[in-house]
Amino acid sequence: MPTSIIATIGPKTESLKDMQSLVKAGVNIFRVNFSHATYAQYRRIKKNVEKINKNREEKIKIIQDLQGPRIRIGRLPEEGRELLVGEEISLKYVSRPAANIGDSIPIDDPDLYKYLKPGELIFLANGEMELKVLKIANKVIFAQVIIGGLLTSHRGVNLPNTELKGAGLTKKDIKDVEFVLKIGVDYIALSFVQSAKDINKLKKLIKNDKKIRIISKIERGVALKNIDEIIKASDAIMVARGDLGIEVPIEELPIIQKNLVRHSHWYNKPAIIATQVMTSMIDNSHPTRAEVSDIANAVLDGADMIMLSDETAIGNHASKAVKILKKVIDRTSDFLYKTNVMKY
C-alpha cells in the first residue's frame, strides 16, 4: 500500500476550498496542531472534513496533535542575553513575567529543578546553545555554558538525558482531548512521550475508545530507552525529527529514523515520518533535491505515512507541495514494488 500523506491545516489552508484542493492533490489525513489551533478553528475544520467525506468512499481522517509539556525560557530584555562559553549561569522559575530574579535566566517550569542532575545537558533555542548542569540549590539550576550564543525570550528548552516525571498530559492537553471527544476525532498524537505510562494516561482519558487511535510522537531522547513498551502501547508512532534531532546527536538521526520504522513494523504498527520534509516549499515553488531524496528514502525504509507541517499550514505553495510529495511517493513505490520501472 502506498505511503499516505498527512497535511497540517493552518491559517493558509483551513477554508473548505483549500482543504478540497489538498485532498485532490493527494492528502489522506489532516492534522490539527493544538499548540496553535483554537476550538473554533477545529470545529470549522471538522465540518469541512465532513463535507469532503460526504461522497467519498475512502474517508479523510483527522489527527489532533497535542501540545504536550513544552518548557521555555521566560521573558528576557528585548536585546536578549549573551551566553559566553565557560560562563556559569543560573536558571530559575518565574511565576510572573515582571518578577525580579536578579541575574538568573527565567524558565516557565516550576518543577524543572527536581528532575535535573549534575552532569546532565540542557539545550536551548533548538539546540543552538548547550549548558551542562553543575548543581541544584534552593530550587535554582546552576550550569556552565558549553556552546554560547544570544538567548532571547520564550526559546525552547530540551533535556536529552533527563526524565521528566511530571510529563505526559498537561492540563491544557486534558482540556483539549475532552473537547475533541465531544466533536469527534480519528487519531490523537501524544507529544513528548517518555514511556508507556504516558500513553496509558491518555487511554484512560479517552476511556479506551477503540475508534480513536493513539499516535506516540518520538521526540525525546529518553523515549528511545523505552521504545518497545511505547510501540506496543501505541497504535502508531511518529518520528518527530525536529525535537528528536535536538535531543540526539545529529549524525545519529537518520539511523534512528530507519531503526524506528523497522522497529514499529516488528510490532505491526504504522510509522509516520515528520518535520522538515519540504521546508523550502514554505516559500519556494520547488523543493530541494535533498528533500526529494529524503522523501524517497523514507518510502524505501517502509514509512507508512509522511507528514507536512508548515509547508501546508502557513506555506505559500501548499497544494503544490502535496502534489510533488505524492509524485515522489508514487515513483518510489513503483520502483520498490513493481518490475521494469527503471527509466535510466
Protein backbone atom coordinates (compact mmCIF):
# COMPACT_ATOMS: atom_id res chain seq x y z
CA MET A 1 0.00 0.00 0.00
CA PRO A 2 1.47 3.41 -0.98
CA THR A 3 2.72 5.74 1.73
CA SER A 4 -0.12 8.03 2.90
CA ILE A 5 0.12 11.82 3.13
CA ILE A 6 -0.72 13.87 6.22
CA ALA A 7 -1.15 17.63 5.83
CA THR A 8 -1.26 20.11 8.68
CA ILE A 9 -4.11 22.59 8.42
CA GLY A 10 -3.32 26.17 9.37
CA PRO A 11 -4.17 29.78 8.53
CA LYS A 12 -3.39 29.32 4.82
CA THR A 13 -5.46 26.16 4.32
CA GLU A 14 -8.43 25.99 6.70
CA SER A 15 -11.12 27.00 4.19
CA LEU A 16 -13.23 24.31 2.56
CA LYS A 17 -11.89 25.24 -0.88
CA ASP A 18 -8.26 24.92 0.23
CA MET A 19 -8.89 21.63 2.03
CA GLN A 20 -10.63 20.22 -1.05
CA SER A 21 -7.63 21.29 -3.11
CA LEU A 22 -5.28 19.44 -0.73
CA VAL A 23 -7.38 16.28 -0.92
CA LYS A 24 -7.40 16.48 -4.71
CA ALA A 25 -3.60 16.82 -4.61
CA GLY A 26 -3.30 13.60 -2.59
CA VAL A 27 -3.89 14.20 1.14
CA ASN A 28 -5.28 11.25 3.13
CA ILE A 29 -5.25 12.71 6.66
CA PHE A 30 -5.45 16.22 8.10
CA ARG A 31 -3.50 17.20 11.21
CA VAL A 32 -4.63 19.97 13.56
CA ASN A 33 -1.82 21.29 15.77
CA PHE A 34 -3.26 22.17 19.18
CA SER A 35 -0.17 24.21 20.03
CA HIS A 36 -1.81 26.87 17.84
CA ALA A 37 -5.35 25.86 16.86
CA THR A 38 -8.41 27.29 18.61
CA TYR A 39 -11.56 25.32 19.33
CA ALA A 40 -13.45 27.44 16.81
CA GLN A 41 -10.88 26.53 14.13
CA TYR A 42 -11.18 22.84 14.93
CA ARG A 43 -14.97 22.98 14.63
CA ARG A 44 -14.64 24.59 11.17
CA ILE A 45 -12.05 22.04 10.06
CA LYS A 46 -14.17 19.13 11.31
CA LYS A 47 -17.23 20.44 9.43
CA ASN A 48 -15.15 20.84 6.27
CA VAL A 49 -13.89 17.26 6.53
CA GLU A 50 -17.47 16.01 6.95
CA LYS A 51 -18.45 17.87 3.76
CA ILE A 52 -15.45 16.47 1.88
CA ASN A 53 -16.24 12.94 3.07
CA LYS A 54 -19.90 13.09 2.06
CA ASN A 55 -19.36 11.48 -1.34
CA ARG A 56 -16.04 9.74 -0.69
CA GLU A 57 -15.52 6.01 -0.31
CA GLU A 58 -12.13 6.42 1.34
CA LYS A 59 -12.77 8.84 4.18
CA ILE A 60 -10.34 11.61 5.10
CA LYS A 61 -9.22 11.30 8.74
CA ILE A 62 -8.25 13.92 11.35
CA ILE A 63 -5.33 13.92 13.80
CA GLN A 64 -5.44 16.04 16.94
CA ASP A 65 -1.79 16.80 17.76
CA LEU A 66 -1.47 17.73 21.44
CA GLN A 67 0.92 20.46 22.53
CA GLY A 68 2.44 18.47 25.39
CA PRO A 69 4.74 19.70 28.16
CA ARG A 70 6.94 22.24 26.40
CA ILE A 71 9.50 24.04 28.56
CA ARG A 72 10.50 27.56 27.57
CA ILE A 73 12.72 30.40 28.63
CA GLY A 74 10.73 33.25 30.22
CA ARG A 75 10.85 36.91 29.27
CA LEU A 76 14.31 38.41 28.80
CA PRO A 77 15.30 42.00 27.96
CA GLU A 78 14.46 42.92 24.36
CA GLU A 79 18.13 42.78 23.34
CA GLY A 80 18.42 39.23 24.74
CA ARG A 81 21.16 37.74 26.91
CA GLU A 82 24.56 36.76 25.52
CA LEU A 83 25.78 33.42 26.88
CA LEU A 84 29.57 33.12 26.83
CA VAL A 85 31.43 29.81 26.62
CA GLY A 86 32.69 28.78 30.06
CA GLU A 87 30.37 31.21 31.87
CA GLU A 88 28.47 29.92 34.90
CA ILE A 89 24.80 30.88 34.85
CA SER A 90 21.65 30.10 36.82
CA LEU A 91 18.11 29.26 35.72
CA LYS A 92 15.13 29.89 37.95
CA TYR A 93 11.36 29.53 37.69
CA VAL A 94 9.48 32.81 37.41
CA SER A 95 5.75 32.87 38.10
CA ARG A 96 5.11 36.28 36.52
CA PRO A 97 6.88 37.93 33.60
CA ALA A 98 7.84 41.03 35.58
CA ALA A 99 9.21 39.18 38.63
CA ASN A 100 12.72 40.19 39.68
CA ILE A 101 15.07 37.18 39.76
CA GLY A 102 18.34 39.09 39.51
CA ASP A 103 20.85 37.69 37.02
CA SER A 104 19.13 34.31 36.75
CA ILE A 105 17.58 33.26 33.44
CA PRO A 106 13.80 32.75 33.84
CA ILE A 107 12.17 29.43 32.96
CA ASP A 108 8.45 28.62 32.88
CA ASP A 109 8.54 25.18 34.57
CA PRO A 110 8.36 25.34 38.39
CA ASP A 111 9.48 21.70 38.80
CA LEU A 112 12.42 21.54 36.41
CA TYR A 113 14.98 21.69 39.23
CA LYS A 114 13.55 18.44 40.67
CA TYR A 115 14.47 16.37 37.63
CA LEU A 116 17.90 17.64 36.58
CA LYS A 117 21.13 16.14 37.94
CA PRO A 118 24.73 17.42 37.84
CA GLY A 119 26.39 16.48 34.56
CA GLU A 120 23.16 16.44 32.51
CA LEU A 121 22.83 18.67 29.45
CA ILE A 122 20.38 21.46 28.69
CA PHE A 123 19.87 22.57 25.08
CA LEU A 124 18.39 25.99 24.35
CA ALA A 125 16.86 27.52 21.21
CA ASN A 126 16.62 24.39 19.00
CA GLY A 127 20.00 23.17 20.21
CA GLU A 128 21.88 26.32 19.23
CA MET A 129 23.17 26.69 22.82
CA GLU A 130 24.29 23.99 25.24
CA LEU A 131 24.62 24.03 29.03
CA LYS A 132 25.97 21.47 31.50
CA VAL A 133 24.31 21.25 34.91
CA LEU A 134 26.75 21.90 37.79
CA LYS A 135 24.45 21.75 40.80
CA ILE A 136 20.92 22.35 42.09
CA ALA A 137 20.48 24.53 45.18
CA ASN A 138 17.41 26.27 46.62
CA LYS A 139 15.33 25.40 43.53
CA VAL A 140 17.90 27.12 41.31
CA ILE A 141 19.72 25.30 38.48
CA PHE A 142 23.39 26.26 38.17
CA ALA A 143 25.02 25.42 34.84
CA GLN A 144 28.08 26.11 32.71
CA VAL A 145 27.82 27.32 29.12
CA ILE A 146 29.36 24.76 26.72
CA ILE A 147 28.11 26.37 23.49
CA GLY A 148 27.16 30.02 23.74
CA GLY A 149 25.05 32.44 21.75
CA LEU A 150 22.41 35.13 22.02
CA LEU A 151 19.43 33.88 24.02
CA THR A 152 16.10 35.65 23.56
CA SER A 153 12.68 35.34 25.21
CA HIS A 154 10.48 32.24 25.03
CA ARG A 155 13.01 29.97 23.31
CA GLY A 156 12.58 26.22 23.77
CA VAL A 157 14.40 24.09 26.34
CA ASN A 158 15.39 20.48 25.54
CA LEU A 159 16.73 17.94 28.04
CA PRO A 160 18.17 14.95 26.15
CA ASN A 161 19.09 12.77 29.15
CA THR A 162 16.51 13.86 31.70
CA GLU A 163 13.30 12.01 32.52
CA LEU A 164 10.57 14.50 33.39
CA LYS A 165 8.48 12.69 35.97
CA GLY A 166 5.68 15.24 35.78
CA ALA A 167 5.48 14.99 31.99
CA GLY A 168 2.74 13.40 29.90
CA LEU A 169 -0.65 15.02 29.58
CA THR A 170 -0.72 18.65 30.68
CA LYS A 171 -3.84 20.44 31.94
CA LYS A 172 -4.17 22.02 28.51
CA ASP A 173 -3.87 18.61 26.80
CA ILE A 174 -6.59 17.12 29.02
CA LYS A 175 -8.92 20.01 28.27
CA ASP A 176 -8.17 19.74 24.53
CA VAL A 177 -8.83 15.98 24.48
CA GLU A 178 -12.10 16.40 26.35
CA PHE A 179 -13.12 18.99 23.76
CA VAL A 180 -12.48 16.78 20.70
CA LEU A 181 -14.12 13.77 22.33
CA LYS A 182 -17.41 15.68 22.13
CA ILE A 183 -16.95 16.62 18.49
CA GLY A 184 -15.10 13.62 17.11
CA VAL A 185 -11.55 12.77 16.04
CA ASP A 186 -9.80 9.77 14.44
CA TYR A 187 -6.30 9.99 15.88
CA ILE A 188 -4.72 11.72 18.88
CA ALA A 189 -0.97 12.38 18.68
CA LEU A 190 0.67 12.44 22.10
CA SER A 191 3.68 14.75 22.33
CA PHE A 192 6.96 14.16 24.20
CA VAL A 193 6.15 10.56 25.10
CA GLN A 194 8.69 9.08 27.52
CA SER A 195 7.18 5.69 28.41
CA ALA A 196 4.02 3.58 28.12
CA LYS A 197 2.72 5.30 31.27
CA ASP A 198 2.08 8.46 29.25
CA ILE A 199 0.06 6.53 26.67
CA ASN A 200 -1.93 4.69 29.33
CA LYS A 201 -2.93 8.03 30.89
CA LEU A 202 -4.37 9.09 27.54
CA LYS A 203 -6.16 5.75 27.13
CA LYS A 204 -7.88 6.28 30.48
CA LEU A 205 -8.89 9.79 29.46
CA ILE A 206 -10.49 8.60 26.21
CA LYS A 207 -11.96 5.65 28.15
CA ASN A 208 -10.26 3.20 25.79
CA ASP A 209 -12.45 4.35 22.90
CA LYS A 210 -11.39 1.84 20.25
CA LYS A 211 -12.39 4.15 17.43
CA ILE A 212 -9.68 6.65 18.41
CA ARG A 213 -6.11 5.67 17.54
CA ILE A 214 -3.18 6.92 19.62
CA ILE A 215 0.00 8.09 17.86
CA SER A 216 3.07 8.35 20.08
CA LYS A 217 5.43 11.11 18.95
CA ILE A 218 9.05 10.03 19.38
CA GLU A 219 10.83 13.32 20.04
CA ARG A 220 12.62 12.75 23.38
CA GLY A 221 15.96 11.04 23.74
CA VAL A 222 14.75 9.15 26.82
CA ALA A 223 11.88 7.65 24.80
CA LEU A 224 14.39 5.58 22.84
CA LYS A 225 15.27 3.66 26.02
CA ASN A 226 11.61 2.62 26.36
CA ILE A 227 10.80 2.23 22.69
CA ASP A 228 9.44 -1.35 22.82
CA GLU A 229 6.88 -0.60 25.51
CA ILE A 230 5.94 2.67 23.77
CA ILE A 231 5.32 0.98 20.40
CA LYS A 232 3.35 -1.87 21.96
CA ALA A 233 1.09 0.57 23.85
CA SER A 234 0.50 2.78 20.77
CA ASP A 235 -1.49 2.39 17.58
CA ALA A 236 1.25 4.15 15.60
CA ILE A 237 4.44 6.14 16.15
CA MET A 238 5.60 9.41 14.67
CA VAL A 239 9.30 10.05 14.14
CA ALA A 240 9.19 13.76 15.04
CA ARG A 241 12.60 14.75 13.74
CA GLY A 242 12.51 18.36 14.96
CA ASP A 243 12.83 17.89 18.72
CA LEU A 244 14.35 14.42 18.37
CA GLY A 245 17.13 15.92 16.24
CA ILE A 246 17.97 18.25 19.11
CA GLU A 247 17.96 15.53 21.77
CA VAL A 248 20.18 13.03 19.92
CA PRO A 249 23.48 13.62 18.08
CA ILE A 250 22.54 14.89 14.63
CA GLU A 251 24.63 12.23 12.86
CA GLU A 252 22.58 9.53 14.62
CA LEU A 253 19.20 10.84 13.48
CA PRO A 254 19.00 9.10 10.05
CA ILE A 255 19.94 5.75 11.60
CA ILE A 256 17.45 6.23 14.45
CA GLN A 257 14.74 7.07 11.90
CA LYS A 258 15.39 3.86 9.94
CA ASN A 259 15.50 1.77 13.11
CA LEU A 260 12.26 3.28 14.45
CA VAL A 261 10.39 2.45 11.23
CA ARG A 262 11.78 -1.09 11.28
CA HIS A 263 11.09 -1.46 15.00
CA SER A 264 7.50 -0.27 14.59
CA HIS A 265 6.88 -2.84 11.88
CA TRP A 266 8.14 -5.64 14.13
CA TYR A 267 5.00 -4.98 16.17
CA ASN A 268 2.83 -4.42 13.08
CA LYS A 269 2.35 -0.74 13.91
CA PRO A 270 2.46 2.10 11.33
CA ALA A 271 5.30 4.64 11.36
CA ILE A 272 4.99 8.31 10.37
CA ILE A 273 7.95 10.46 9.25
CA ALA A 274 7.53 14.14 10.16
CA THR A 275 9.28 17.51 10.29
CA GLN A 276 11.21 19.46 7.66
CA VAL A 277 10.04 17.20 4.84
CA MET A 278 9.88 20.06 2.32
CA THR A 279 10.66 23.14 4.40
CA SER A 280 11.96 25.01 1.37
CA MET A 281 8.45 24.92 -0.13
CA ILE A 282 7.08 27.18 2.60
CA ASP A 283 8.39 29.99 0.39
CA ASN A 284 9.69 28.37 -2.79
CA SER A 285 7.67 26.72 -5.54
CA HIS A 286 10.00 23.71 -5.74
CA PRO A 287 11.69 21.50 -3.12
CA THR A 288 15.43 20.98 -2.87
CA ARG A 289 16.96 17.84 -4.38
CA ALA A 290 17.96 16.76 -0.86
CA GLU A 291 14.32 16.99 0.29
CA VAL A 292 13.18 14.82 -2.61
CA SER A 293 15.83 12.23 -1.75
CA ASP A 294 14.78 12.34 1.91
CA ILE A 295 11.16 11.57 0.94
CA ALA A 296 12.19 8.71 -1.35
CA ASN A 297 14.42 7.22 1.34
CA ALA A 298 11.55 7.36 3.85
CA VAL A 299 9.39 5.39 1.38
CA LEU A 300 12.23 2.92 0.74
CA ASP A 301 12.54 2.44 4.51
CA GLY A 302 8.86 1.49 4.65
CA ALA A 303 7.34 4.65 6.16
CA ASP A 304 3.56 4.25 6.24
CA MET A 305 2.85 7.99 6.28
CA ILE A 306 4.75 11.21 5.63
CA MET A 307 3.58 14.43 7.25
CA LEU A 308 3.80 18.03 6.08
CA SER A 309 3.75 20.73 8.76
CA ASP A 310 4.41 24.41 7.95
CA GLU A 311 4.52 23.50 4.25
CA THR A 312 0.70 23.27 4.27
CA ALA A 313 -0.19 25.24 7.43
CA ILE A 314 1.47 28.54 6.54
CA GLY A 315 3.22 27.80 3.24
CA ASN A 316 2.69 29.69 0.01
CA HIS A 317 2.51 26.54 -2.15
CA ALA A 318 0.50 24.08 -0.05
CA SER A 319 -1.27 22.13 -2.81
CA LYS A 320 1.83 22.04 -4.97
CA ALA A 321 3.86 20.68 -2.06
CA VAL A 322 1.35 17.84 -1.67
CA LYS A 323 1.35 17.13 -5.43
CA ILE A 324 5.15 16.89 -5.51
CA LEU A 325 5.21 14.76 -2.37
CA LYS A 326 2.69 12.37 -3.97
CA LYS A 327 4.69 12.20 -7.21
CA VAL A 328 7.85 11.25 -5.33
CA ILE A 329 5.99 8.69 -3.20
CA ASP A 330 4.31 7.12 -6.26
CA ARG A 331 7.52 6.97 -8.29
CA THR A 332 9.50 5.45 -5.42
CA SER A 333 6.71 2.96 -4.69
CA ASP A 334 6.75 1.88 -8.35
CA PHE A 335 10.49 1.30 -8.12
CA LEU A 336 10.06 -0.61 -4.86
CA TYR A 337 7.10 -2.83 -5.70
CA LYS A 338 6.90 -3.14 -9.49
CA THR A 339 9.23 -4.57 -12.12
CA ASN A 340 10.72 -2.93 -15.20
CA VAL A 341 10.35 0.58 -13.83
CA MET A 342 13.94 1.79 -14.29
CA LYS A 343 13.96 4.61 -16.82
CA TYR A 344 17.65 5.47 -16.80
